[in-house]
Amino acid sequence: MKLLWCWRCKMDVPMLDDDEFRKAKDLYSADFKKIKEDRFKPLLRYYYELTGFAETNPVAILHHKITLYGPPCKKCGKPYRTPVASFCAACGNIRPDENS
């Protein structure tokens, strides 16, 4: 788990690593088989226990995965929107070509 800026939520949120996310995705999938009153409670509880963040939207957890985002911008520190983004959407900084 790592605290990162989420472009969709417009705030810093706990992002899950691949292993944490795999379990969250499994809980999300299993919850579709439950009645509506109990749906997604295990996922929301898992995320809270892992991060201490009381997320109320189970779908938001699905985009809180560290590897969906790029490295931090060297100018503003926010992560690039994707691992292959060529510029920072927050400040416009051009990302250096790592292959050069």
PDB file of N, CA and C in Angstrom:
ATOM      1  N   MET A   1       0.846  -1.168   0.000  1.00  0.00           N
ATOM      2  CA  MET A   1       0.000   0.000   0.000  1.00  0.00           C
ATOM      3  C   MET A   1       0.893   1.232   0.000  1.00  0.00           C
ATOM      4  N   LYS A   2       0.468   2.226  -0.779  1.00  0.00           N
ATOM      5  CA  LYS A   2       1.225   3.463  -0.887  1.00  0.00           C
ATOM      6  C   LYS A   2       0.235   4.603  -1.118  1.00  0.00           C
ATOM      7  N   LEU A   3       0.439   5.715  -0.462  1.00  0.00           N
ATOM      8  CA  LEU A   3      -0.429   6.869  -0.627  1.00  0.00           C
ATOM      9  C   LEU A   3      -0.007   7.616  -1.891  1.00  0.00           C
ATOM     10  N   LEU A   4      -0.943   7.750  -2.863  1.00  0.00           N
ATOM     11  CA  LEU A   4      -0.674   8.430  -4.134  1.00  0.00           C
ATOM     12  C   LEU A   4      -1.864   9.287  -4.530  1.00  0.00           C
ATOM     13  N   TRP A   5      -1.601  10.278  -5.374  1.00  0.00           N
ATOM     14  CA  TRP A   5      -2.654  11.106  -5.955  1.00  0.00           C
ATOM     15  C   TRP A   5      -3.482  10.261  -6.912  1.00  0.00           C
ATOM     16  N   CYS A   6      -4.801  10.319  -6.776  1.00  0.00           N
ATOM     17  CA  CYS A   6      -5.709   9.632  -7.695  1.00  0.00           C
ATOM     18  C   CYS A   6      -6.365  10.686  -8.577  1.00  0.00           C
ATOM     19  N   TRP A   7      -6.199  10.527  -9.866  1.00  0.00           N
ATOM     20  CA  TRP A   7      -6.744  11.498 -10.817  1.00  0.00           C
ATOM     21  C   TRP A   7      -8.257  11.491 -10.835  1.00  0.00           C
ATOM     22  N   ARG A   8      -8.870  10.362 -10.594  1.00  0.00           N
ATOM     23  CA  ARG A   8     -10.334  10.289 -10.598  1.00  0.00           C
ATOM     24  C   ARG A   8     -10.929  10.870  -9.319  1.00  0.00           C
ATOM     25  N   CYS A   9     -10.302  10.571  -8.183  1.00  0.00           N
ATOM     26  CA  CYS A   9     -10.809  11.032  -6.887  1.00  0.00           C
ATOM     27  C   CYS A   9     -10.373  12.459  -6.548  1.00  0.00           C
ATOM     28  N   LYS A  10      -9.349  12.954  -7.254  1.00  0.00           N
ATOM     29  CA  LYS A  10      -8.807  14.304  -7.038  1.00  0.00           C
ATOM     30  C   LYS A  10      -8.279  14.495  -5.616  1.00  0.00           C
ATOM     31  N   MET A  11      -7.597  13.458  -5.104  1.00  0.00           N
ATOM     32  CA  MET A  11      -6.991  13.531  -3.776  1.00  0.00           C
ATOM     33  C   MET A  11      -6.010  12.375  -3.607  1.00  0.00           C
ATOM     34  N   ASP A  12      -5.186  12.477  -2.574  1.00  0.00           N
ATOM     35  CA  ASP A  12      -4.292  11.378  -2.238  1.00  0.00           C
ATOM     36  C   ASP A  12      -5.109  10.264  -1.600  1.00  0.00           C
ATOM     37  N   VAL A  13      -4.925   9.044  -2.090  1.00  0.00           N
ATOM     38  CA  VAL A  13      -5.627   7.881  -1.541  1.00  0.00           C
ATOM     39  C   VAL A  13      -4.651   6.717  -1.424  1.00  0.00           C
ATOM     40  N   PRO A  14      -4.967   5.751  -0.575  1.00  0.00           N
ATOM     41  CA  PRO A  14      -4.124   4.569  -0.487  1.00  0.00           C
ATOM     42  C   PRO A  14      -4.272   3.720  -1.754  1.00  0.00           C
ATOM     43  N   MET A  15      -3.161   3.476  -2.415  1.00  0.00           N
ATOM     44  CA  MET A  15      -3.134   2.636  -3.611  1.00  0.00           C
ATOM     45  C   MET A  15      -2.600   1.259  -3.229  1.00  0.00           C
ATOM     46  N   LEU A  16      -3.147   0.238  -3.840  1.00  0.00           N
ATOM     47  CA  LEU A  16      -2.790  -1.134  -3.515  1.00  0.00           C
ATOM     48  C   LEU A  16      -1.688  -1.654  -4.423  1.00  0.00           C
ATOM     49  N   ASP A  17      -0.817  -2.501  -3.857  1.00  0.00           N
ATOM     50  CA  ASP A  17       0.172  -3.166  -4.701  1.00  0.00           C
ATOM     51  C   ASP A  17      -0.516  -4.343  -5.404  1.00  0.00           C
ATOM     52  N   ASP A  18       0.198  -5.062  -6.249  1.00  0.00           N
ATOM     53  CA  ASP A  18      -0.417  -6.119  -7.062  1.00  0.00           C
ATOM     54  C   ASP A  18      -1.060  -7.218  -6.225  1.00  0.00           C
ATOM     55  N   ASP A  19      -0.403  -7.658  -5.153  1.00  0.00           N
ATOM     56  CA  ASP A  19      -0.965  -8.725  -4.312  1.00  0.00           C
ATOM     57  C   ASP A  19      -2.209  -8.249  -3.567  1.00  0.00           C
ATOM     58  N   GLU A  20      -2.150  -7.054  -3.008  1.00  0.00           N
ATOM     59  CA  GLU A  20      -3.306  -6.493  -2.303  1.00  0.00           C
ATOM     60  C   GLU A  20      -4.469  -6.297  -3.269  1.00  0.00           C
ATOM     61  N   PHE A  21      -4.157  -5.819  -4.469  1.00  0.00           N
ATOM     62  CA  PHE A  21      -5.203  -5.573  -5.458  1.00  0.00           C
ATOM     63  C   PHE A  21      -5.849  -6.880  -5.914  1.00  0.00           C
ATOM     64  N   ARG A  22      -5.045  -7.922  -6.077  1.00  0.00           N
ATOM     65  CA  ARG A  22      -5.578  -9.220  -6.509  1.00  0.00           C
ATOM     66  C   ARG A  22      -6.644  -9.705  -5.532  1.00  0.00           C
ATOM     67  N   LYS A  23      -6.375  -9.594  -4.235  1.00  0.00           N
ATOM     68  CA  LYS A  23      -7.364 -10.003  -3.234  1.00  0.00           C
ATOM     69  C   LYS A  23      -8.601  -9.105  -3.294  1.00  0.00           C
ATOM     70  N   ALA A  24      -8.401  -7.798  -3.447  1.00  0.00           N
ATOM     71  CA  ALA A  24      -9.535  -6.871  -3.539  1.00  0.00           C
ATOM     72  C   ALA A  24     -10.399  -7.196  -4.754  1.00  0.00           C
ATOM     73  N   LYS A  25      -9.768  -7.498  -5.883  1.00  0.00           N
ATOM     74  CA  LYS A  25     -10.523  -7.826  -7.094  1.00  0.00           C
ATOM     75  C   LYS A  25     -11.298  -9.129  -6.916  1.00  0.00           C
ATOM     76  N   ASP A  26     -10.697 -10.098  -6.239  1.00  0.00           N
ATOM     77  CA  ASP A  26     -11.403 -11.353  -5.965  1.00  0.00           C
ATOM     78  C   ASP A  26     -12.620 -11.112  -5.082  1.00  0.00           C
ATOM     79  N   LEU A  27     -12.478 -10.270  -4.059  1.00  0.00           N
ATOM     80  CA  LEU A  27     -13.614  -9.933  -3.200  1.00  0.00           C
ATOM     81  C   LEU A  27     -14.698  -9.209  -3.986  1.00  0.00           C
ATOM     82  N   TYR A  28     -14.298  -8.292  -4.853  1.00  0.00           N
ATOM     83  CA  TYR A  28     -15.256  -7.551  -5.681  1.00  0.00           C
ATOM     84  C   TYR A  28     -16.062  -8.510  -6.552  1.00  0.00           C
ATOM     85  N   SER A  29     -15.372  -9.436  -7.199  1.00  0.00           N
ATOM     86  CA  SER A  29     -16.045 -10.408  -8.073  1.00  0.00           C
ATOM     87  C   SER A  29     -16.995 -11.294  -7.281  1.00  0.00           C
ATOM     88  N   ALA A  30     -16.565 -11.765  -6.125  1.00  0.00           N
ATOM     89  CA  ALA A  30     -17.402 -12.649  -5.304  1.00  0.00           C
ATOM     90  C   ALA A  30     -18.634 -11.925  -4.776  1.00  0.00           C
ATOM     91  N   ASP A  31     -18.526 -10.631  -4.558  1.00  0.00           N
ATOM     92  CA  ASP A  31     -19.635  -9.875  -3.978  1.00  0.00           C
ATOM     93  C   ASP A  31     -20.823  -9.718  -4.920  1.00  0.00           C
ATOM     94  N   PHE A  32     -20.644  -9.912  -6.198  1.00  0.00           N
ATOM     95  CA  PHE A  32     -21.767  -9.811  -7.120  1.00  0.00           C
ATOM     96  C   PHE A  32     -22.788 -10.913  -6.891  1.00  0.00           C
ATOM     97  N   LYS A  33     -22.378 -11.989  -6.259  1.00  0.00           N
ATOM     98  CA  LYS A  33     -23.278 -13.124  -6.015  1.00  0.00           C
ATOM     99  C   LYS A  33     -24.105 -12.937  -4.753  1.00  0.00           C
ATOM    100  N   LYS A  34     -23.862 -11.882  -4.009  1.00  0.00           N
ATOM    101  CA  LYS A  34     -24.537 -11.670  -2.730  1.00  0.00           C
ATOM    102  C   LYS A  34     -25.774 -10.790  -2.903  1.00  0.00           C
ATOM    103  N   ILE A  35     -26.641 -10.830  -1.903  1.00  0.00           N
ATOM    104  CA  ILE A  35     -27.797  -9.951  -1.934  1.00  0.00           C
ATOM    105  C   ILE A  35     -27.332  -8.510  -1.750  1.00  0.00           C
ATOM    106  N   LYS A  36     -28.118  -7.589  -2.222  1.00  0.00           N
ATOM    107  CA  LYS A  36     -27.684  -6.193  -2.264  1.00  0.00           C
ATOM    108  C   LYS A  36     -27.294  -5.615  -0.907  1.00  0.00           C
ATOM    109  N   GLU A  37     -27.954  -6.007   0.163  1.00  0.00           N
ATOM    110  CA  GLU A  37     -27.643  -5.437   1.476  1.00  0.00           C
ATOM    111  C   GLU A  37     -26.226  -5.776   1.926  1.00  0.00           C
ATOM    112  N   ASP A  38     -25.732  -6.943   1.554  1.00  0.00           N
ATOM    113  CA  ASP A  38     -24.412  -7.385   1.990  1.00  0.00           C
ATOM    114  C   ASP A  38     -23.347  -7.191   0.916  1.00  0.00           C
ATOM    115  N   ARG A  39     -23.756  -6.731  -0.243  1.00  0.00           N
ATOM    116  CA  ARG A  39     -22.825  -6.618  -1.364  1.00  0.00           C
ATOM    117  C   ARG A  39     -21.706  -5.624  -1.069  1.00  0.00           C
ATOM    118  N   PHE A  40     -20.489  -6.043  -1.324  1.00  0.00           N
ATOM    119  CA  PHE A  40     -19.268  -5.243  -1.230  1.00  0.00           C
ATOM    120  C   PHE A  40     -18.808  -4.923   0.189  1.00  0.00           C
ATOM    121  N   LYS A  41     -19.526  -5.361   1.213  1.00  0.00           N
ATOM    122  CA  LYS A  41     -19.064  -5.115   2.583  1.00  0.00           C
ATOM    123  C   LYS A  41     -17.708  -5.766   2.852  1.00  0.00           C
ATOM    124  N   PRO A  42     -17.475  -7.017   2.415  1.00  0.00           N
ATOM    125  CA  PRO A  42     -16.145  -7.609   2.642  1.00  0.00           C
ATOM    126  C   PRO A  42     -15.022  -6.835   1.939  1.00  0.00           C
ATOM    127  N   LEU A  43     -15.270  -6.352   0.743  1.00  0.00           N
ATOM    128  CA  LEU A  43     -14.269  -5.575   0.013  1.00  0.00           C
ATOM    129  C   LEU A  43     -13.980  -4.260   0.736  1.00  0.00           C
ATOM    130  N   LEU A  44     -15.015  -3.536   1.118  1.00  0.00           N
ATOM    131  CA  LEU A  44     -14.831  -2.261   1.804  1.00  0.00           C
ATOM    132  C   LEU A  44     -14.139  -2.459   3.150  1.00  0.00           C
ATOM    133  N   ARG A  45     -14.484  -3.533   3.847  1.00  0.00           N
ATOM    134  CA  ARG A  45     -13.840  -3.843   5.119  1.00  0.00           C
ATOM    135  C   ARG A  45     -12.360  -4.185   4.895  1.00  0.00           C
ATOM    136  N   TYR A  46     -12.059  -5.004   3.886  1.00  0.00           N
ATOM    137  CA  TYR A  46     -10.677  -5.364   3.568  1.00  0.00           C
ATOM    138  C   TYR A  46      -9.846  -4.112   3.271  1.00  0.00           C
ATOM    139  N   TYR A  47     -10.383  -3.233   2.445  1.00  0.00           N
ATOM    140  CA  TYR A  47      -9.660  -2.006   2.089  1.00  0.00           C
ATOM    141  C   TYR A  47      -9.420  -1.135   3.326  1.00  0.00           C
ATOM    142  N   TYR A  48     -10.427  -1.016   4.179  1.00  0.00           N
ATOM    143  CA  TYR A  48     -10.280  -0.218   5.396  1.00  0.00           C
ATOM    144  C   TYR A  48      -9.240  -0.824   6.333  1.00  0.00           C
ATOM    145  N   GLU A  49      -9.310  -2.134   6.530  1.00  0.00           N
ATOM    146  CA  GLU A  49      -8.355  -2.794   7.424  1.00  0.00           C
ATOM    147  C   GLU A  49      -6.928  -2.673   6.895  1.00  0.00           C
ATOM    148  N   LEU A  50      -6.775  -2.692   5.598  1.00  0.00           N
ATOM    149  CA  LEU A  50      -5.457  -2.608   4.974  1.00  0.00           C
ATOM    150  C   LEU A  50      -4.901  -1.188   4.983  1.00  0.00           C
ATOM    151  N   THR A  51      -5.782  -0.208   4.740  1.00  0.00           N
ATOM    152  CA  THR A  51      -5.326   1.160   4.518  1.00  0.00           C
ATOM    153  C   THR A  51      -5.706   2.156   5.616  1.00  0.00           C
ATOM    154  N   GLY A  52      -6.749   1.859   6.377  1.00  0.00           N
ATOM    155  CA  GLY A  52      -7.263   2.816   7.350  1.00  0.00           C
ATOM    156  C   GLY A  52      -8.135   3.887   6.711  1.00  0.00           C
ATOM    157  N   PHE A  53      -8.418   3.747   5.412  1.00  0.00           N
ATOM    158  CA  PHE A  53      -9.223   4.706   4.660  1.00  0.00           C
ATOM    159  C   PHE A  53     -10.624   4.123   4.465  1.00  0.00           C
ATOM    160  N   ALA A  54     -11.638   4.831   4.913  1.00  0.00           N
ATOM    161  CA  ALA A  54     -13.019   4.345   4.854  1.00  0.00           C
ATOM    162  C   ALA A  54     -13.651   4.661   3.499  1.00  0.00           C
ATOM    163  N   GLU A  55     -13.255   3.938   2.481  1.00  0.00           N
ATOM    164  CA  GLU A  55     -13.834   4.112   1.137  1.00  0.00           C
ATOM    165  C   GLU A  55     -15.274   3.620   1.155  1.00  0.00           C
ATOM    166  N   THR A  56     -16.162   4.335   0.489  1.00  0.00           N
ATOM    167  CA  THR A  56     -17.570   3.940   0.424  1.00  0.00           C
ATOM    168  C   THR A  56     -17.971   3.465  -0.966  1.00  0.00           C
ATOM    169  N   ASN A  57     -17.123   3.703  -1.947  1.00  0.00           N
ATOM    170  CA  ASN A  57     -17.424   3.328  -3.329  1.00  0.00           C
ATOM    171  C   ASN A  57     -16.541   2.142  -3.725  1.00  0.00           C
ATOM    172  N   PRO A  58     -17.122   0.943  -3.850  1.00  0.00           N
ATOM    173  CA  PRO A  58     -16.310  -0.227  -4.180  1.00  0.00           C
ATOM    174  C   PRO A  58     -15.636  -0.123  -5.547  1.00  0.00           C
ATOM    175  N   VAL A  59     -16.237   0.564  -6.481  1.00  0.00           N
ATOM    176  CA  VAL A  59     -15.650   0.689  -7.822  1.00  0.00           C
ATOM    177  C   VAL A  59     -14.376   1.537  -7.765  1.00  0.00           C
ATOM    178  N   ALA A  60     -14.334   2.506  -6.865  1.00  0.00           N
ATOM    179  CA  ALA A  60     -13.143   3.345  -6.736  1.00  0.00           C
ATOM    180  C   ALA A  60     -11.924   2.506  -6.377  1.00  0.00           C
ATOM    181  N   ILE A  61     -12.119   1.483  -5.578  1.00  0.00           N
ATOM    182  CA  ILE A  61     -11.001   0.627  -5.169  1.00  0.00           C
ATOM    183  C   ILE A  61     -10.351  -0.035  -6.381  1.00  0.00           C
ATOM    184  N   LEU A  62     -11.124  -0.288  -7.409  1.00  0.00           N
ATOM    185  CA  LEU A  62     -10.589  -0.953  -8.598  1.00  0.00           C
ATOM    186  C   LEU A  62      -9.630  -0.071  -9.390  1.00  0.00           C
ATOM    187  N   HIS A  63      -9.625   1.218  -9.175  1.00  0.00           N
ATOM    188  CA  HIS A  63      -8.613   2.051  -9.836  1.00  0.00           C
ATOM    189  C   HIS A  63      -7.579   2.592  -8.842  1.00  0.00           C
ATOM    190  N   HIS A  64      -7.555   2.003  -7.661  1.00  0.00           N
ATOM    191  CA  HIS A  64      -6.542   2.354  -6.670  1.00  0.00           C
ATOM    192  C   HIS A  64      -5.462   1.271  -6.636  1.00  0.00           C
ATOM    193  N   LYS A  65      -4.831   1.106  -7.778  1.00  0.00           N
ATOM    194  CA  LYS A  65      -3.765   0.114  -7.947  1.00  0.00           C
ATOM    195  C   LYS A  65      -2.503   0.853  -8.389  1.00  0.00           C
ATOM    196  N   ILE A  66      -1.446   0.698  -7.638  1.00  0.00           N
ATOM    197  CA  ILE A  66      -0.212   1.444  -7.891  1.00  0.00           C
ATOM    198  C   ILE A  66       0.251   1.323  -9.336  1.00  0.00           C
ATOM    199  N   THR A  67       0.224   0.122  -9.898  1.00  0.00           N
ATOM    200  CA  THR A  67       0.802  -0.088 -11.228  1.00  0.00           C
ATOM    201  C   THR A  67      -0.048   0.479 -12.366  1.00  0.00           C
ATOM    202  N   LEU A  68      -1.218   1.014 -12.072  1.00  0.00           N
ATOM    203  CA  LEU A  68      -2.006   1.689 -13.111  1.00  0.00           C
ATOM    204  C   LEU A  68      -1.442   3.069 -13.418  1.00  0.00           C
ATOM    205  N   TYR A  69      -0.626   3.598 -12.510  1.00  0.00           N
ATOM    206  CA  TYR A  69      -0.093   4.944 -12.620  1.00  0.00           C
ATOM    207  C   TYR A  69       1.392   4.909 -12.942  1.00  0.00           C
ATOM    208  N   GLY A  70       1.902   6.019 -13.426  1.00  0.00           N
ATOM    209  CA  GLY A  70       3.315   6.129 -13.739  1.00  0.00           C
ATOM    210  C   GLY A  70       4.113   6.607 -12.542  1.00  0.00           C
ATOM    211  N   PRO A  71       5.397   6.858 -12.755  1.00  0.00           N
ATOM    212  CA  PRO A  71       6.244   7.358 -11.669  1.00  0.00           C
ATOM    213  C   PRO A  71       5.878   8.795 -11.318  1.00  0.00           C
ATOM    214  N   PRO A  72       6.370   9.292 -10.201  1.00  0.00           N
ATOM    215  CA  PRO A  72       6.073  10.682  -9.843  1.00  0.00           C
ATOM    216  C   PRO A  72       6.765  11.659 -10.786  1.00  0.00           C
ATOM    217  N   CYS A  73       6.067  12.745 -11.080  1.00  0.00           N
ATOM    218  CA  CYS A  73       6.620  13.813 -11.906  1.00  0.00           C
ATOM    219  C   CYS A  73       7.770  14.461 -11.142  1.00  0.00           C
ATOM    220  N   LYS A  74       8.853  14.732 -11.833  1.00  0.00           N
ATOM    221  CA  LYS A  74      10.023  15.347 -11.185  1.00  0.00           C
ATOM    222  C   LYS A  74       9.768  16.815 -10.828  1.00  0.00           C
ATOM    223  N   LYS A  75       8.742  17.423 -11.436  1.00  0.00           N
ATOM    224  CA  LYS A  75       8.448  18.833 -11.166  1.00  0.00           C
ATOM    225  C   LYS A  75       7.435  19.016 -10.035  1.00  0.00           C
ATOM    226  N   CYS A  76       6.292  18.307 -10.096  1.00  0.00           N
ATOM    227  CA  CYS A  76       5.231  18.526  -9.103  1.00  0.00           C
ATOM    228  C   CYS A  76       5.032  17.365  -8.137  1.00  0.00           C
ATOM    229  N   GLY A  77       5.561  16.193  -8.459  1.00  0.00           N
ATOM    230  CA  GLY A  77       5.469  15.056  -7.554  1.00  0.00           C
ATOM    231  C   GLY A  77       4.249  14.175  -7.721  1.00  0.00           C
ATOM    232  N   LYS A  78       3.241  14.627  -8.483  1.00  0.00           N
ATOM    233  CA  LYS A  78       2.070  13.784  -8.704  1.00  0.00           C
ATOM    234  C   LYS A  78       2.445  12.685  -9.701  1.00  0.00           C
ATOM    235  N   PRO A  79       1.816  11.523  -9.590  1.00  0.00           N
ATOM    236  CA  PRO A  79       2.168  10.467 -10.528  1.00  0.00           C
ATOM    237  C   PRO A  79       1.636  10.771 -11.926  1.00  0.00           C
ATOM    238  N   TYR A  80       2.367  10.294 -12.924  1.00  0.00           N
ATOM    239  CA  TYR A  80       1.844  10.376 -14.286  1.00  0.00           C
ATOM    240  C   TYR A  80       0.579   9.534 -14.347  1.00  0.00           C
ATOM    241  N   ARG A  81      -0.358   9.924 -15.202  1.00  0.00           N
ATOM    242  CA  ARG A  81      -1.652   9.236 -15.242  1.00  0.00           C
ATOM    243  C   ARG A  81      -1.549   7.770 -15.644  1.00  0.00           C
ATOM    244  N   THR A  82      -0.547   7.433 -16.412  1.00  0.00           N
ATOM    245  CA  THR A  82      -0.322   6.048 -16.831  1.00  0.00           C
ATOM    246  C   THR A  82       1.180   5.776 -16.801  1.00  0.00           C
ATOM    247  N   PRO A  83       1.562   4.512 -16.820  1.00  0.00           N
ATOM    248  CA  PRO A  83       2.993   4.200 -16.846  1.00  0.00           C
ATOM    249  C   PRO A  83       3.710   4.712 -18.096  1.00  0.00           C
ATOM    250  N   VAL A  84       2.984   4.959 -19.192  1.00  0.00           N
ATOM    251  CA  VAL A  84       3.619   5.387 -20.443  1.00  0.00           C
ATOM    252  C   VAL A  84       3.314   6.843 -20.804  1.00  0.00           C
ATOM    253  N   ALA A  85       2.724   7.600 -19.892  1.00  0.00           N
ATOM    254  CA  ALA A  85       2.392   9.001 -20.169  1.00  0.00           C
ATOM    255  C   ALA A  85       3.651   9.790 -20.521  1.00  0.00           C
ATOM    256  N   SER A  86       3.535  10.676 -21.516  1.00  0.00           N
ATOM    257  CA  SER A  86       4.693  11.451 -21.976  1.00  0.00           C
ATOM    258  C   SER A  86       4.792  12.825 -21.310  1.00  0.00           C
ATOM    259  N   PHE A  87       3.718  13.244 -20.625  1.00  0.00           N
ATOM    260  CA  PHE A  87       3.755  14.521 -19.904  1.00  0.00           C
ATOM    261  C   PHE A  87       2.868  14.424 -18.672  1.00  0.00           C
ATOM    262  N   CYS A  88       3.109  15.311 -17.734  1.00  0.00           N
ATOM    263  CA  CYS A  88       2.336  15.343 -16.497  1.00  0.00           C
ATOM    264  C   CYS A  88       1.041  16.120 -16.735  1.00  0.00           C
ATOM    265  N   ALA A  89      -0.080  15.491 -16.441  1.00  0.00           N
ATOM    266  CA  ALA A  89      -1.368  16.144 -16.631  1.00  0.00           C
ATOM    267  C   ALA A  89      -1.594  17.264 -15.614  1.00  0.00           C
ATOM    268  N   ALA A  90      -0.889  17.240 -14.506  1.00  0.00           N
ATOM    269  CA  ALA A  90      -1.073  18.257 -13.469  1.00  0.00           C
ATOM    270  C   ALA A  90      -0.327  19.544 -13.779  1.00  0.00           C
ATOM    271  N   CYS A  91       0.925  19.425 -14.216  1.00  0.00           N
ATOM    272  CA  CYS A  91       1.735  20.633 -14.393  1.00  0.00           C
ATOM    273  C   CYS A  91       2.264  20.810 -15.816  1.00  0.00           C
ATOM    274  N   GLY A  92       2.053  19.825 -16.678  1.00  0.00           N
ATOM    275  CA  GLY A  92       2.490  19.936 -18.064  1.00  0.00           C
ATOM    276  C   GLY A  92       3.943  19.579 -18.305  1.00  0.00           C
ATOM    277  N   ASN A  93       4.656  19.196 -17.271  1.00  0.00           N
ATOM    278  CA  ASN A  93       6.062  18.827 -17.417  1.00  0.00           C
ATOM    279  C   ASN A  93       6.219  17.674 -18.410  1.00  0.00           C
ATOM    280  N   ILE A  94       7.122  17.838 -19.352  1.00  0.00           N
ATOM    281  CA  ILE A  94       7.399  16.782 -20.329  1.00  0.00           C
ATOM    282  C   ILE A  94       8.269  15.729 -19.652  1.00  0.00           C
ATOM    283  N   ARG A  95       7.840  14.496 -19.765  1.00  0.00           N
ATOM    284  CA  ARG A  95       8.581  13.396 -19.157  1.00  0.00           C
ATOM    285  C   ARG A  95       9.803  13.070 -20.009  1.00  0.00           C
ATOM    286  N   PRO A  96      10.965  12.986 -19.382  1.00  0.00           N
ATOM    287  CA  PRO A  96      12.159  12.649 -20.166  1.00  0.00           C
ATOM    288  C   PRO A  96      12.044  11.260 -20.764  1.00  0.00           C
ATOM    289  N   ASP A  97      12.549  11.114 -21.981  1.00  0.00           N
ATOM    290  CA  ASP A  97      12.540   9.808 -22.641  1.00  0.00           C
ATOM    291  C   ASP A  97      13.579   8.921 -21.965  1.00  0.00           C
ATOM    292  N   GLU A  98      13.109   7.864 -21.322  1.00  0.00           N
ATOM    293  CA  GLU A  98      14.000   6.993 -20.562  1.00  0.00           C
ATOM    294  C   GLU A  98      14.842   6.090 -21.466  1.00  0.00           C
ATOM    295  N   ASN A  99      14.521   6.054 -22.760  1.00  0.00           N
ATOM    296  CA  ASN A  99      15.265   5.202 -23.688  1.00  0.00           C
ATOM    297  C   ASN A  99      16.433   5.948 -24.343  1.00  0.00           C
ATOM    298  N   SER A 100      16.530   7.235 -24.102  1.00  0.00           N
ATOM    299  CA  SER A 100      17.600   8.030 -24.724  1.00  0.00           C
ATOM    300  C   SER A 100      18.872   7.977 -23.930  1.00  0.00           C
TER     301      SER A 100
END
